[in-house]
Amino acid sequence: MNSDQTIAETLPRLYREVLDGIARLEDLGARPAAARLREEAIAGYSRAWDAACEKQLRDLLGRVDGAARDLERRRRPRLA
């Protein structure tokens, strides 16, 4: 988090990034995983907006991005 931004300014943007990543997973066909991650995101965002919530969303964003990269990597054709 930028030291000039408050958690109230940061969390909506971070939550949107998580949701965008989840949509990417859905587009890649990982709907069950996306649904579970969406539930986690909603639960985290719905609680107190504090440093723990921010950490949870950042961790979740990392997991979502990692899962999407793995799926994309597996789908790329291998060059012989």
C-alpha atoms as a PDB file:
ATOM      1  CA  MET A   1       0.000   0.000   0.000  1.00  0.00           C
ATOM      2  CA  ASN A   2       1.262   3.456  -0.852  1.00  0.00           C
ATOM      3  CA  SER A   3       1.898   5.293   2.412  1.00  0.00           C
ATOM      4  CA  ASP A   4      -0.147   8.239   1.100  1.00  0.00           C
ATOM      5  CA  GLN A   5      -3.238   6.073   0.611  1.00  0.00           C
ATOM      6  CA  THR A   6      -5.550   4.891   3.329  1.00  0.00           C
ATOM      7  CA  ILE A   7      -6.883   1.361   3.549  1.00  0.00           C
ATOM      8  CA  ALA A   8     -10.306   2.714   2.589  1.00  0.00           C
ATOM      9  CA  GLU A   9      -8.776   3.984  -0.661  1.00  0.00           C
ATOM     10  CA  THR A  10      -6.706   0.874  -1.338  1.00  0.00           C
ATOM     11  CA  LEU A  11      -9.105  -1.983  -0.587  1.00  0.00           C
ATOM     12  CA  PRO A  12     -11.725  -1.263  -3.287  1.00  0.00           C
ATOM     13  CA  ARG A  13      -8.989  -1.187  -5.968  1.00  0.00           C
ATOM     14  CA  LEU A  14      -7.394  -4.337  -4.608  1.00  0.00           C
ATOM     15  CA  TYR A  15     -10.753  -6.125  -4.440  1.00  0.00           C
ATOM     16  CA  ARG A  16     -11.452  -5.133  -8.054  1.00  0.00           C
ATOM     17  CA  GLU A  17      -8.068  -6.597  -9.093  1.00  0.00           C
ATOM     18  CA  VAL A  18      -8.949  -9.856  -7.328  1.00  0.00           C
ATOM     19  CA  LEU A  19     -12.340 -10.002  -9.059  1.00  0.00           C
ATOM     20  CA  ASP A  20     -10.746  -9.275 -12.443  1.00  0.00           C
ATOM     21  CA  GLY A  21      -8.287 -12.104 -11.850  1.00  0.00           C
ATOM     22  CA  ILE A  22     -11.131 -14.429 -10.915  1.00  0.00           C
ATOM     23  CA  ALA A  23     -12.917 -13.506 -14.154  1.00  0.00           C
ATOM     24  CA  ARG A  24      -9.710 -14.399 -16.001  1.00  0.00           C
ATOM     25  CA  LEU A  25      -9.757 -17.829 -14.325  1.00  0.00           C
ATOM     26  CA  GLU A  26     -13.361 -18.296 -15.406  1.00  0.00           C
ATOM     27  CA  ASP A  27     -12.413 -17.392 -18.979  1.00  0.00           C
ATOM     28  CA  LEU A  28      -9.714 -20.053 -18.800  1.00  0.00           C
ATOM     29  CA  GLY A  29     -12.332 -22.634 -17.788  1.00  0.00           C
ATOM     30  CA  ALA A  30     -11.483 -22.921 -14.092  1.00  0.00           C
ATOM     31  CA  ARG A  31     -14.985 -22.153 -12.884  1.00  0.00           C
ATOM     32  CA  PRO A  32     -15.007 -24.293  -9.709  1.00  0.00           C
ATOM     33  CA  ALA A  33     -11.708 -22.795  -8.526  1.00  0.00           C
ATOM     34  CA  ALA A  34     -12.916 -19.310  -9.462  1.00  0.00           C
ATOM     35  CA  ALA A  35     -16.105 -19.803  -7.439  1.00  0.00           C
ATOM     36  CA  ARG A  36     -14.134 -20.857  -4.338  1.00  0.00           C
ATOM     37  CA  LEU A  37     -11.766 -17.907  -4.694  1.00  0.00           C
ATOM     38  CA  ARG A  38     -14.685 -15.515  -5.183  1.00  0.00           C
ATOM     39  CA  GLU A  39     -16.210 -16.759  -1.918  1.00  0.00           C
ATOM     40  CA  GLU A  40     -12.913 -16.070  -0.148  1.00  0.00           C
ATOM     41  CA  ALA A  41     -12.698 -12.602  -1.681  1.00  0.00           C
ATOM     42  CA  ILE A  42     -16.246 -11.713  -0.662  1.00  0.00           C
ATOM     43  CA  ALA A  43     -15.701 -12.988   2.868  1.00  0.00           C
ATOM     44  CA  GLY A  44     -12.462 -11.054   3.232  1.00  0.00           C
ATOM     45  CA  TYR A  45     -13.799  -7.833   1.764  1.00  0.00           C
ATOM     46  CA  SER A  46     -16.968  -8.028   3.873  1.00  0.00           C
ATOM     47  CA  ARG A  47     -15.143  -7.930   7.186  1.00  0.00           C
ATOM     48  CA  ALA A  48     -13.314  -5.073   8.896  1.00  0.00           C
ATOM     49  CA  TRP A  49     -11.242  -2.970   6.523  1.00  0.00           C
ATOM     50  CA  ASP A  50      -7.907  -3.209   8.262  1.00  0.00           C
ATOM     51  CA  ALA A  51      -4.350  -4.333   7.605  1.00  0.00           C
ATOM     52  CA  ALA A  52      -5.343  -7.999   7.996  1.00  0.00           C
ATOM     53  CA  CYS A  53      -8.025  -7.593   5.325  1.00  0.00           C
ATOM     54  CA  GLU A  54      -5.528  -5.938   3.002  1.00  0.00           C
ATOM     55  CA  LYS A  55      -3.038  -8.768   3.542  1.00  0.00           C
ATOM     56  CA  GLN A  56      -5.721 -11.374   2.891  1.00  0.00           C
ATOM     57  CA  LEU A  57      -6.730  -9.702  -0.386  1.00  0.00           C
ATOM     58  CA  ARG A  58      -3.093  -9.301  -1.500  1.00  0.00           C
ATOM     59  CA  ASP A  59      -2.417 -12.973  -0.749  1.00  0.00           C
ATOM     60  CA  LEU A  60      -5.562 -13.945  -2.600  1.00  0.00           C
ATOM     61  CA  LEU A  61      -4.556 -11.819  -5.592  1.00  0.00           C
ATOM     62  CA  GLY A  62      -1.223 -13.627  -5.690  1.00  0.00           C
ATOM     63  CA  ARG A  63      -2.957 -17.001  -5.641  1.00  0.00           C
ATOM     64  CA  VAL A  64      -5.409 -15.967  -8.360  1.00  0.00           C
ATOM     65  CA  ASP A  65      -2.658 -14.592 -10.596  1.00  0.00           C
ATOM     66  CA  GLY A  66      -0.512 -17.678 -10.029  1.00  0.00           C
ATOM     67  CA  ALA A  67      -3.373 -20.028 -10.897  1.00  0.00           C
ATOM     68  CA  ALA A  68      -4.163 -18.088 -14.081  1.00  0.00           C
ATOM     69  CA  ARG A  69      -0.504 -18.080 -15.174  1.00  0.00           C
ATOM     70  CA  ASP A  70      -0.273 -21.833 -14.569  1.00  0.00           C
ATOM     71  CA  LEU A  71      -3.385 -22.468 -16.653  1.00  0.00           C
ATOM     72  CA  GLU A  72      -2.147 -20.239 -19.464  1.00  0.00           C
ATOM     73  CA  ARG A  73       1.266 -21.935 -19.421  1.00  0.00           C
ATOM     74  CA  ARG A  74      -0.314 -25.397 -19.650  1.00  0.00           C
ATOM     75  CA  ARG A  75      -2.441 -24.322 -22.612  1.00  0.00           C
ATOM     76  CA  ARG A  76       0.409 -22.979 -24.698  1.00  0.00           C
ATOM     77  CA  PRO A  77       1.426 -25.298 -27.496  1.00  0.00           C
ATOM     78  CA  ARG A  78       4.841 -26.805 -26.958  1.00  0.00           C
ATOM     79  CA  LEU A  79       7.403 -26.118 -29.654  1.00  0.00           C
ATOM     80  CA  ALA A  80       9.166 -29.221 -30.912  1.00  0.00           C
END
